[in-house]
Each structure stands twice: as C-alpha cells, then as structure tokens.
PDB file of N, CA and C in Angstrom:
ATOM      1  N   MET A   1      -0.391 -15.640  -3.829  1.00  0.00           N
ATOM      2  CA  MET A   1       0.159 -14.486  -4.507  1.00  0.00           C
ATOM      3  C   MET A   1       0.833 -13.607  -3.448  1.00  0.00           C
ATOM      4  N   ASN A   2       2.079 -13.297  -3.658  1.00  0.00           N
ATOM      5  CA  ASN A   2       2.850 -12.497  -2.716  1.00  0.00           C
ATOM      6  C   ASN A   2       2.991 -11.074  -3.253  1.00  0.00           C
ATOM      7  N   ILE A   3       2.690 -10.084  -2.411  1.00  0.00           N
ATOM      8  CA  ILE A   3       2.829  -8.681  -2.795  1.00  0.00           C
ATOM      9  C   ILE A   3       3.680  -7.979  -1.747  1.00  0.00           C
ATOM     10  N   VAL A   4       4.710  -7.290  -2.197  1.00  0.00           N
ATOM     11  CA  VAL A   4       5.548  -6.486  -1.312  1.00  0.00           C
ATOM     12  C   VAL A   4       5.063  -5.045  -1.431  1.00  0.00           C
ATOM     13  N   VAL A   5       4.776  -4.440  -0.278  1.00  0.00           N
ATOM     14  CA  VAL A   5       4.336  -3.049  -0.248  1.00  0.00           C
ATOM     15  C   VAL A   5       5.439  -2.229   0.404  1.00  0.00           C
ATOM     16  N   LYS A   6       6.015  -1.330  -0.365  1.00  0.00           N
ATOM     17  CA  LYS A   6       7.037  -0.424   0.157  1.00  0.00           C
ATOM     18  C   LYS A   6       6.329   0.762   0.808  1.00  0.00           C
ATOM     19  N   LEU A   7       6.765   1.110   2.005  1.00  0.00           N
ATOM     20  CA  LEU A   7       6.131   2.172   2.781  1.00  0.00           C
ATOM     21  C   LEU A   7       7.055   3.381   2.852  1.00  0.00           C
ATOM     22  N   PHE A   8       6.472   4.553   2.739  1.00  0.00           N
ATOM     23  CA  PHE A   8       7.245   5.785   2.770  1.00  0.00           C
ATOM     24  C   PHE A   8       6.652   6.753   3.790  1.00  0.00           C
ATOM     25  N   ALA A   9       7.486   7.672   4.248  1.00  0.00           N
ATOM     26  CA  ALA A   9       7.095   8.799   5.120  1.00  0.00           C
ATOM     27  C   ALA A   9       6.274   8.328   6.317  1.00  0.00           C
ATOM     28  N   GLY A  10       5.080   8.899   6.502  1.00  0.00           N
ATOM     29  CA  GLY A  10       4.255   8.602   7.668  1.00  0.00           C
ATOM     30  C   GLY A  10       3.842   7.146   7.771  1.00  0.00           C
ATOM     31  N   ALA A  11       3.594   6.490   6.639  1.00  0.00           N
ATOM     32  CA  ALA A  11       3.212   5.064   6.664  1.00  0.00           C
ATOM     33  C   ALA A  11       4.359   4.234   7.225  1.00  0.00           C
ATOM     34  N   ARG A  12       5.575   4.537   6.808  1.00  0.00           N
ATOM     35  CA  ARG A  12       6.756   3.832   7.328  1.00  0.00           C
ATOM     36  C   ARG A  12       6.910   4.080   8.817  1.00  0.00           C
ATOM     37  N   ASP A  13       6.692   5.305   9.242  1.00  0.00           N
ATOM     38  CA  ASP A  13       6.817   5.647  10.660  1.00  0.00           C
ATOM     39  C   ASP A  13       5.777   4.903  11.504  1.00  0.00           C
ATOM     40  N   ILE A  14       4.557   4.810  11.012  1.00  0.00           N
ATOM     41  CA  ILE A  14       3.484   4.137  11.750  1.00  0.00           C
ATOM     42  C   ILE A  14       3.752   2.646  11.882  1.00  0.00           C
ATOM     43  N   VAL A  15       4.126   2.004  10.791  1.00  0.00           N
ATOM     44  CA  VAL A  15       4.332   0.550  10.795  1.00  0.00           C
ATOM     45  C   VAL A  15       5.680   0.184  11.406  1.00  0.00           C
ATOM     46  N   GLY A  16       6.663   1.070  11.274  1.00  0.00           N
ATOM     47  CA  GLY A  16       7.986   0.795  11.827  1.00  0.00           C
ATOM     48  C   GLY A  16       8.864  -0.050  10.924  1.00  0.00           C
ATOM     49  N   LYS A  17       8.484  -0.155   9.654  1.00  0.00           N
ATOM     50  CA  LYS A  17       9.256  -0.922   8.663  1.00  0.00           C
ATOM     51  C   LYS A  17       9.218  -0.190   7.332  1.00  0.00           C
ATOM     52  N   ASN A  18      10.218  -0.492   6.482  1.00  0.00           N
ATOM     53  CA  ASN A  18      10.253   0.076   5.135  1.00  0.00           C
ATOM     54  C   ASN A  18       9.311  -0.628   4.177  1.00  0.00           C
ATOM     55  N   GLU A  19       8.956  -1.880   4.487  1.00  0.00           N
ATOM     56  CA  GLU A  19       8.073  -2.628   3.616  1.00  0.00           C
ATOM     57  C   GLU A  19       7.388  -3.744   4.385  1.00  0.00           C
ATOM     58  N   VAL A  20       6.266  -4.183   3.854  1.00  0.00           N
ATOM     59  CA  VAL A  20       5.558  -5.337   4.399  1.00  0.00           C
ATOM     60  C   VAL A  20       5.239  -6.270   3.235  1.00  0.00           C
ATOM     61  N   ALA A  21       5.215  -7.565   3.513  1.00  0.00           N
ATOM     62  CA  ALA A  21       4.842  -8.569   2.513  1.00  0.00           C
ATOM     63  C   ALA A  21       3.482  -9.122   2.887  1.00  0.00           C
ATOM     64  N   LEU A  22       2.599  -9.190   1.915  1.00  0.00           N
ATOM     65  CA  LEU A  22       1.255  -9.716   2.126  1.00  0.00           C
ATOM     66  C   LEU A  22       1.012 -10.872   1.173  1.00  0.00           C
ATOM     67  N   GLU A  23       0.299 -11.870   1.641  1.00  0.00           N
ATOM     68  CA  GLU A  23      -0.018 -13.049   0.844  1.00  0.00           C
ATOM     69  C   GLU A  23      -1.520 -13.063   0.575  1.00  0.00           C
ATOM     70  N   PHE A  24      -1.893 -13.262  -0.674  1.00  0.00           N
ATOM     71  CA  PHE A  24      -3.293 -13.333  -1.083  1.00  0.00           C
ATOM     72  C   PHE A  24      -3.507 -14.626  -1.868  1.00  0.00           C
ATOM     73  N   GLU A  25      -4.708 -15.176  -1.767  1.00  0.00           N
ATOM     74  CA  GLU A  25      -5.019 -16.420  -2.473  1.00  0.00           C
ATOM     75  C   GLU A  25      -5.365 -16.182  -3.934  1.00  0.00           C
ATOM     76  N   SER A  26      -5.837 -14.993  -4.270  1.00  0.00           N
ATOM     77  CA  SER A  26      -6.218 -14.706  -5.645  1.00  0.00           C
ATOM     78  C   SER A  26      -5.821 -13.276  -5.984  1.00  0.00           C
ATOM     79  N   PRO A  27      -5.857 -12.923  -7.265  1.00  0.00           N
ATOM     80  CA  PRO A  27      -5.524 -11.546  -7.643  1.00  0.00           C
ATOM     81  C   PRO A  27      -6.429 -10.539  -6.934  1.00  0.00           C
ATOM     82  N   ILE A  28      -5.866  -9.389  -6.628  1.00  0.00           N
ATOM     83  CA  ILE A  28      -6.607  -8.338  -5.938  1.00  0.00           C
ATOM     84  C   ILE A  28      -6.364  -6.993  -6.613  1.00  0.00           C
ATOM     85  N   THR A  29      -7.113  -6.006  -6.172  1.00  0.00           N
ATOM     86  CA  THR A  29      -6.954  -4.640  -6.672  1.00  0.00           C
ATOM     87  C   THR A  29      -6.247  -3.787  -5.625  1.00  0.00           C
ATOM     88  N   ILE A  30      -5.858  -2.606  -6.030  1.00  0.00           N
ATOM     89  CA  ILE A  30      -5.248  -1.658  -5.092  1.00  0.00           C
ATOM     90  C   ILE A  30      -6.220  -1.352  -3.950  1.00  0.00           C
ATOM     91  N   GLY A  31      -7.503  -1.208  -4.248  1.00  0.00           N
ATOM     92  CA  GLY A  31      -8.492  -0.939  -3.204  1.00  0.00           C
ATOM     93  C   GLY A  31      -8.548  -2.051  -2.170  1.00  0.00           C
ATOM     94  N   GLU A  32      -8.481  -3.306  -2.617  1.00  0.00           N
ATOM     95  CA  GLU A  32      -8.481  -4.442  -1.693  1.00  0.00           C
ATOM     96  C   GLU A  32      -7.198  -4.477  -0.871  1.00  0.00           C
ATOM     97  N   LEU A  33      -6.089  -4.111  -1.504  1.00  0.00           N
ATOM     98  CA  LEU A  33      -4.823  -4.031  -0.784  1.00  0.00           C
ATOM     99  C   LEU A  33      -4.892  -2.952   0.295  1.00  0.00           C
ATOM    100  N   ARG A  34      -5.472  -1.826  -0.046  1.00  0.00           N
ATOM    101  CA  ARG A  34      -5.628  -0.720   0.914  1.00  0.00           C
ATOM    102  C   ARG A  34      -6.407  -1.210   2.145  1.00  0.00           C
ATOM    103  N   THR A  35      -7.487  -1.936   1.909  1.00  0.00           N
ATOM    104  CA  THR A  35      -8.300  -2.480   3.000  1.00  0.00           C
ATOM    105  C   THR A  35      -7.510  -3.471   3.845  1.00  0.00           C
ATOM    106  N   ARG A  36      -6.750  -4.348   3.207  1.00  0.00           N
ATOM    107  CA  ARG A  36      -5.961  -5.347   3.939  1.00  0.00           C
ATOM    108  C   ARG A  36      -4.891  -4.676   4.789  1.00  0.00           C
ATOM    109  N   LEU A  37      -4.267  -3.628   4.254  1.00  0.00           N
ATOM    110  CA  LEU A  37      -3.259  -2.912   5.037  1.00  0.00           C
ATOM    111  C   LEU A  37      -3.877  -2.309   6.298  1.00  0.00           C
ATOM    112  N   ILE A  38      -5.076  -1.756   6.181  1.00  0.00           N
ATOM    113  CA  ILE A  38      -5.749  -1.187   7.351  1.00  0.00           C
ATOM    114  C   ILE A  38      -6.114  -2.294   8.335  1.00  0.00           C
ATOM    115  N   ASP A  39      -6.559  -3.452   7.819  1.00  0.00           N
ATOM    116  CA  ASP A  39      -6.884  -4.585   8.695  1.00  0.00           C
ATOM    117  C   ASP A  39      -5.664  -5.026   9.501  1.00  0.00           C
ATOM    118  N   GLN A  40      -4.507  -5.090   8.849  1.00  0.00           N
ATOM    119  CA  GLN A  40      -3.300  -5.575   9.519  1.00  0.00           C
ATOM    120  C   GLN A  40      -2.585  -4.502  10.328  1.00  0.00           C
ATOM    121  N   HIS A  41      -2.787  -3.256   9.956  1.00  0.00           N
ATOM    122  CA  HIS A  41      -2.128  -2.139  10.650  1.00  0.00           C
ATOM    123  C   HIS A  41      -3.170  -1.034  10.868  1.00  0.00           C
ATOM    124  N   PRO A  42      -4.068  -1.206  11.858  1.00  0.00           N
ATOM    125  CA  PRO A  42      -5.161  -0.253  12.070  1.00  0.00           C
ATOM    126  C   PRO A  42      -4.704   1.201  12.256  1.00  0.00           C
ATOM    127  N   ALA A  43      -3.502   1.405  12.717  1.00  0.00           N
ATOM    128  CA  ALA A  43      -3.015   2.779  12.905  1.00  0.00           C
ATOM    129  C   ALA A  43      -2.869   3.525  11.575  1.00  0.00           C
ATOM    130  N   LEU A  44      -2.866   2.796  10.456  1.00  0.00           N
ATOM    131  CA  LEU A  44      -2.791   3.429   9.137  1.00  0.00           C
ATOM    132  C   LEU A  44      -4.134   4.004   8.677  1.00  0.00           C
ATOM    133  N   GLN A  45      -5.210   3.702   9.379  1.00  0.00           N
ATOM    134  CA  GLN A  45      -6.566   4.116   8.971  1.00  0.00           C
ATOM    135  C   GLN A  45      -6.667   5.597   8.606  1.00  0.00           C
ATOM    136  N   PRO A  46      -6.151   6.527   9.398  1.00  0.00           N
ATOM    137  CA  PRO A  46      -6.315   7.937   9.036  1.00  0.00           C
ATOM    138  C   PRO A  46      -5.504   8.348   7.802  1.00  0.00           C
ATOM    139  N   LEU A  47      -4.465   7.599   7.487  1.00  0.00           N
ATOM    140  CA  LEU A  47      -3.546   7.976   6.419  1.00  0.00           C
ATOM    141  C   LEU A  47      -3.896   7.362   5.067  1.00  0.00           C
ATOM    142  N   LEU A  48      -4.272   6.088   5.047  1.00  0.00           N
ATOM    143  CA  LEU A  48      -4.420   5.362   3.785  1.00  0.00           C
ATOM    144  C   LEU A  48      -5.508   5.873   2.848  1.00  0.00           C
ATOM    145  N   PRO A  49      -6.608   6.429   3.330  1.00  0.00           N
ATOM    146  CA  PRO A  49      -7.584   6.941   2.369  1.00  0.00           C
ATOM    147  C   PRO A  49      -7.017   8.037   1.455  1.00  0.00           C
ATOM    148  N   TYR A  50      -5.961   8.688   1.895  1.00  0.00           N
ATOM    149  CA  TYR A  50      -5.365   9.782   1.127  1.00  0.00           C
ATOM    150  C   TYR A  50      -4.059   9.399   0.437  1.00  0.00           C
ATOM    151  N   ALA A  51      -3.596   8.189   0.660  1.00  0.00           N
ATOM    152  CA  ALA A  51      -2.316   7.746   0.091  1.00  0.00           C
ATOM    153  C   ALA A  51      -2.470   7.397  -1.383  1.00  0.00           C
ATOM    154  N   MET A  52      -1.409   7.628  -2.128  1.00  0.00           N
ATOM    155  CA  MET A  52      -1.320   7.196  -3.525  1.00  0.00           C
ATOM    156  C   MET A  52      -0.618   5.839  -3.535  1.00  0.00           C
ATOM    157  N   PHE A  53      -0.930   5.041  -4.531  1.00  0.00           N
ATOM    158  CA  PHE A  53      -0.264   3.756  -4.698  1.00  0.00           C
ATOM    159  C   PHE A  53       0.298   3.678  -6.108  1.00  0.00           C
ATOM    160  N   ALA A  54       1.429   3.006  -6.231  1.00  0.00           N
ATOM    161  CA  ALA A  54       2.049   2.785  -7.535  1.00  0.00           C
ATOM    162  C   ALA A  54       2.470   1.327  -7.626  1.00  0.00           C
ATOM    163  N   ILE A  55       2.270   0.760  -8.805  1.00  0.00           N
ATOM    164  CA  ILE A  55       2.786  -0.579  -9.093  1.00  0.00           C
ATOM    165  C   ILE A  55       4.023  -0.367  -9.950  1.00  0.00           C
ATOM    166  N   GLU A  56       5.150  -0.846  -9.418  1.00  0.00           N
ATOM    167  CA  GLU A  56       6.451  -0.565 -10.025  1.00  0.00           C
ATOM    168  C   GLU A  56       6.596   0.952 -10.121  1.00  0.00           C
ATOM    169  N   THR A  57       6.480   1.575 -11.301  1.00  0.00           N
ATOM    170  CA  THR A  57       6.659   3.029 -11.420  1.00  0.00           C
ATOM    171  C   THR A  57       5.408   3.743 -11.925  1.00  0.00           C
ATOM    172  N   THR A  58       4.249   3.059 -11.912  1.00  0.00           N
ATOM    173  CA  THR A  58       3.020   3.627 -12.457  1.00  0.00           C
ATOM    174  C   THR A  58       2.000   3.857 -11.342  1.00  0.00           C
ATOM    175  N   TYR A  59       1.532   5.097 -11.194  1.00  0.00           N
ATOM    176  CA  TYR A  59       0.489   5.391 -10.213  1.00  0.00           C
ATOM    177  C   TYR A  59      -0.801   4.689 -10.613  1.00  0.00           C
ATOM    178  N   CYS A  60      -1.559   4.258  -9.603  1.00  0.00           N
ATOM    179  CA  CYS A  60      -2.757   3.454  -9.836  1.00  0.00           C
ATOM    180  C   CYS A  60      -3.926   3.975  -9.018  1.00  0.00           C
ATOM    181  N   ASP A  61      -5.141   3.633  -9.466  1.00  0.00           N
ATOM    182  CA  ASP A  61      -6.317   3.923  -8.649  1.00  0.00           C
ATOM    183  C   ASP A  61      -6.788   2.630  -7.985  1.00  0.00           C
ATOM    184  N   ASP A  62      -7.843   2.711  -7.192  1.00  0.00           N
ATOM    185  CA  ASP A  62      -8.293   1.557  -6.420  1.00  0.00           C
ATOM    186  C   ASP A  62      -8.779   0.398  -7.281  1.00  0.00           C
ATOM    187  N   ALA A  63      -9.184   0.648  -8.506  1.00  0.00           N
ATOM    188  CA  ALA A  63      -9.689  -0.411  -9.381  1.00  0.00           C
ATOM    189  C   ALA A  63      -8.578  -1.175 -10.109  1.00  0.00           C
ATOM    190  N   THR A  64      -7.346  -0.715 -10.008  1.00  0.00           N
ATOM    191  CA  THR A  64      -6.239  -1.333 -10.729  1.00  0.00           C
ATOM    192  C   THR A  64      -5.904  -2.704 -10.147  1.00  0.00           C
ATOM    193  N   PRO A  65      -5.904  -3.752 -10.993  1.00  0.00           N
ATOM    194  CA  PRO A  65      -5.488  -5.075 -10.501  1.00  0.00           C
ATOM    195  C   PRO A  65      -3.975  -5.110 -10.290  1.00  0.00           C
ATOM    196  N   ILE A  66      -3.558  -5.861  -9.292  1.00  0.00           N
ATOM    197  CA  ILE A  66      -2.137  -5.984  -8.977  1.00  0.00           C
ATOM    198  C   ILE A  66      -1.622  -7.293  -9.584  1.00  0.00           C
ATOM    199  N   PRO A  67      -0.591  -7.216 -10.426  1.00  0.00           N
ATOM    200  CA  PRO A  67      -0.036  -8.433 -11.006  1.00  0.00           C
ATOM    201  C   PRO A  67       0.648  -9.310  -9.957  1.00  0.00           C
ATOM    202  N   LYS A  68       0.761 -10.557 -10.267  1.00  0.00           N
ATOM    203  CA  LYS A  68       1.421 -11.524  -9.391  1.00  0.00           C
ATOM    204  C   LYS A  68       2.845 -11.076  -9.082  1.00  0.00           C
ATOM    205  N   ASN A  69       3.247 -11.209  -7.815  1.00  0.00           N
ATOM    206  CA  ASN A  69       4.596 -10.897  -7.341  1.00  0.00           C
ATOM    207  C   ASN A  69       5.025  -9.452  -7.600  1.00  0.00           C
ATOM    208  N   ALA A  70       4.068  -8.542  -7.595  1.00  0.00           N
ATOM    209  CA  ALA A  70       4.367  -7.132  -7.852  1.00  0.00           C
ATOM    210  C   ALA A  70       4.932  -6.456  -6.609  1.00  0.00           C
ATOM    211  N   THR A  71       5.653  -5.377  -6.855  1.00  0.00           N
ATOM    212  CA  THR A  71       6.063  -4.480  -5.778  1.00  0.00           C
ATOM    213  C   THR A  71       5.188  -3.240  -5.888  1.00  0.00           C
ATOM    214  N   VAL A  72       4.544  -2.905  -4.782  1.00  0.00           N
ATOM    215  CA  VAL A  72       3.624  -1.772  -4.739  1.00  0.00           C
ATOM    216  C   VAL A  72       4.183  -0.742  -3.763  1.00  0.00           C
ATOM    217  N   ALA A  73       4.144   0.516  -4.161  1.00  0.00           N
ATOM    218  CA  ALA A  73       4.583   1.601  -3.291  1.00  0.00           C
ATOM    219  C   ALA A  73       3.361   2.283  -2.694  1.00  0.00           C
ATOM    220  N   CYS A  74       3.390   2.512  -1.396  1.00  0.00           N
ATOM    221  CA  CYS A  74       2.356   3.269  -0.690  1.00  0.00           C
ATOM    222  C   CYS A  74       2.964   4.635  -0.376  1.00  0.00           C
ATOM    223  N   ILE A  75       2.407   5.671  -0.999  1.00  0.00           N
ATOM    224  CA  ILE A  75       2.978   6.999  -0.890  1.00  0.00           C
ATOM    225  C   ILE A  75       1.963   7.924  -0.215  1.00  0.00           C
ATOM    226  N   PRO A  76       2.135   8.162   1.078  1.00  0.00           N
ATOM    227  CA  PRO A  76       1.179   9.009   1.800  1.00  0.00           C
ATOM    228  C   PRO A  76       1.339  10.472   1.394  1.00  0.00           C
ATOM    229  N   PRO A  77       0.319  11.266   1.681  1.00  0.00           N
ATOM    230  CA  PRO A  77       0.424  12.699   1.395  1.00  0.00           C
ATOM    231  C   PRO A  77       1.497  13.323   2.281  1.00  0.00           C
ATOM    232  N   VAL A  78       2.139  14.345   1.764  1.00  0.00           N
ATOM    233  CA  VAL A  78       3.160  15.051   2.536  1.00  0.00           C
ATOM    234  C   VAL A  78       2.832  16.543   2.517  1.00  0.00           C
ATOM    235  N   SER A  79       3.337  17.218   3.497  1.00  0.00           N
ATOM    236  CA  SER A  79       3.171  18.672   3.534  1.00  0.00           C
ATOM    237  C   SER A  79       4.489  19.289   3.920  1.00  0.00           C
ATOM    238  N   GLY A  80       4.610  20.506   3.691  1.00  0.00           N
ATOM    239  CA  GLY A  80       5.854  21.175   4.052  1.00  0.00           C
ATOM    240  C   GLY A  80       5.865  22.560   3.464  1.00  0.00           C
ATOM    241  N   GLY A  81       6.933  23.222   3.646  1.00  0.00           N
ATOM    242  CA  GLY A  81       6.968  24.559   3.097  1.00  0.00           C
ATOM    243  C   GLY A  81       8.359  25.109   3.146  1.00  0.00           C
TER     244      GLY A  81
END
C-alpha cells in the first residue's frame, strides 16, 4: 500500500521535501502513519504530536484508517500575528 504524505510549513522545512512516499504492507491508521513518519524522520518528533492530518480534504484523528493509495496532508501548527 503506497501513501503519499504532503508536508507543509515546519514539517516541509525539517524534511527538506514537499512530500514523502511511504509503503505499508497492510492498511494503517493516521496514528500509525504519524509513528512511521517519526521513525523515518526523527527530527519531526517535536512537531508531529501537534500536527493535524487530512486525507484528501477531510481532517482526521489518529484512529482514522487510511484508504489504499491515499494522499495525506500533514499540517503542523502555525503561529503568527
């Protein structure tokens, strides 16, 4: 199962890419994806616990299953004023 994760803001800056592709043997949840991203990119550890995820255009929680060949957006928290 191939999942493309689009990265924005700080996550993109940390990884140095706009997106990463991950391969899984079986269906997974957003929470499992979050863990895999930290495993592959440890520098994301401080950011990912607070990041929102969306499948296509729908925000999801950690229990949400990811459909086959989905595009997932990782949207870190932002601040500004």
